[in-house]
């Protein structure tokens, strides 16, 4: 009976070790879940950036106002007859 009890205790310890610390353990599952969540968050950020780029592309394709706005803000261009004022903080 002592041998059977010892064997069962040893089997229980081995199974508990595999459950908590083994290759397919609870710890490994939690690490994978954290990795999946991090990748989902990164994908959401990339999807938002892609949406913003698509809107910008459509705006540039459909109207000259966006092109003019970019030329004024990024290149400092002005139209003939306008006066350029540079305000320094």
Protein backbone atom coordinates (compact mmCIF):
# COMPACT_ATOMS: atom_id res chain seq x y z
CA UNK A 1 0.00 0.00 0.00
CA UNK A 2 2.93 2.32 0.75
CA UNK A 3 4.36 1.68 -2.70
CA UNK A 4 1.03 2.51 -4.35
CA UNK A 5 0.68 5.70 -2.29
CA UNK A 6 4.23 6.69 -3.14
CA UNK A 7 3.67 6.02 -6.81
CA UNK A 8 0.43 8.04 -6.81
CA UNK A 9 2.13 10.91 -4.99
CA UNK A 10 4.99 10.87 -7.49
CA UNK A 11 2.53 10.83 -10.41
CA UNK A 12 0.65 13.76 -8.85
CA UNK A 13 3.86 15.74 -8.47
CA UNK A 14 4.89 15.05 -12.08
CA UNK A 15 1.49 16.07 -13.39
CA UNK A 16 1.46 19.23 -11.29
CA UNK A 17 4.93 20.11 -12.55
CA UNK A 18 3.78 19.70 -16.15
CA UNK A 19 0.63 21.73 -15.47
CA UNK A 20 2.38 24.72 -13.92
CA UNK A 21 5.94 24.68 -15.28
CA UNK A 22 5.99 22.40 -18.31
CA UNK A 23 6.10 23.23 -22.01
CA UNK A 24 2.32 23.50 -22.41
CA UNK A 25 1.72 24.93 -18.95
CA UNK A 26 -0.54 27.59 -17.54
CA UNK A 27 2.43 29.97 -17.49
CA UNK A 28 3.10 29.42 -21.18
CA UNK A 29 -0.58 29.99 -21.93
CA UNK A 30 -0.55 33.32 -20.09
CA UNK A 31 2.58 34.40 -21.96
CA UNK A 32 0.93 33.54 -25.27
CA UNK A 33 -2.24 35.42 -24.32
CA UNK A 34 -0.18 38.50 -23.43
CA UNK A 35 1.67 38.26 -26.75
CA UNK A 36 -1.61 37.94 -28.67
CA UNK A 37 -3.03 40.99 -26.90
CA UNK A 38 0.09 43.03 -27.65
CA UNK A 39 -0.12 42.08 -31.32
CA UNK A 40 -3.84 42.97 -31.43
CA UNK A 41 -3.07 46.38 -29.95
CA UNK A 42 -0.32 46.95 -32.50
CA UNK A 43 -2.66 45.88 -35.32
CA UNK A 44 -5.33 48.33 -34.14
CA UNK A 45 -2.80 51.16 -34.20
CA UNK A 46 -1.65 50.17 -37.68
CA UNK A 47 -5.24 49.94 -38.93
CA UNK A 48 -5.91 53.45 -37.59
CA UNK A 49 -2.78 54.76 -39.31
CA UNK A 50 -3.76 53.03 -42.57
CA UNK A 51 -7.24 54.60 -42.39
CA UNK A 52 -5.72 58.05 -41.88
CA UNK A 53 -3.40 57.54 -44.85
CA UNK A 54 -6.33 56.39 -47.04
CA UNK A 55 -8.30 59.50 -46.10
CA UNK A 56 -5.30 61.68 -46.90
CA UNK A 57 -4.85 59.97 -50.28
CA UNK A 58 -8.51 60.44 -51.19
CA UNK A 59 -8.33 64.07 -50.12
CA UNK A 60 -5.26 64.66 -52.28
CA UNK A 61 -6.80 62.87 -55.28
CA UNK A 62 -10.18 64.61 -55.15
CA UNK A 63 -9.42 68.23 -54.45
CA UNK A 64 -6.87 70.92 -55.03
CA UNK A 65 -7.56 72.43 -51.62
CA UNK A 66 -5.54 69.74 -49.87
CA UNK A 67 -2.65 70.20 -52.30
CA UNK A 68 -2.76 73.95 -51.78
CA UNK A 69 -2.89 73.51 -48.00
CA UNK A 70 0.17 71.24 -48.08
CA UNK A 71 2.06 73.61 -50.36
CA UNK A 72 1.36 76.50 -47.99
CA UNK A 73 2.13 74.70 -44.74
CA UNK A 74 5.06 72.47 -45.74
CA UNK A 75 6.70 74.46 -48.52
CA UNK A 76 5.78 78.00 -47.47
CA UNK A 77 4.33 78.84 -50.89
CA UNK A 78 2.11 81.87 -51.42
CA UNK A 79 -0.12 82.96 -54.30
CA UNK A 80 0.65 86.00 -56.43
CA UNK A 81 -0.65 89.16 -54.78
CA UNK A 82 -0.48 87.75 -51.25
CA UNK A 83 1.79 89.13 -48.56
CA UNK A 84 3.79 86.69 -46.47
CA UNK A 85 4.08 87.39 -42.75
CA UNK A 86 6.38 85.31 -40.56
CA UNK A 87 5.45 85.42 -36.89
CA UNK A 88 8.19 84.30 -34.51
CA UNK A 89 7.36 83.30 -30.96
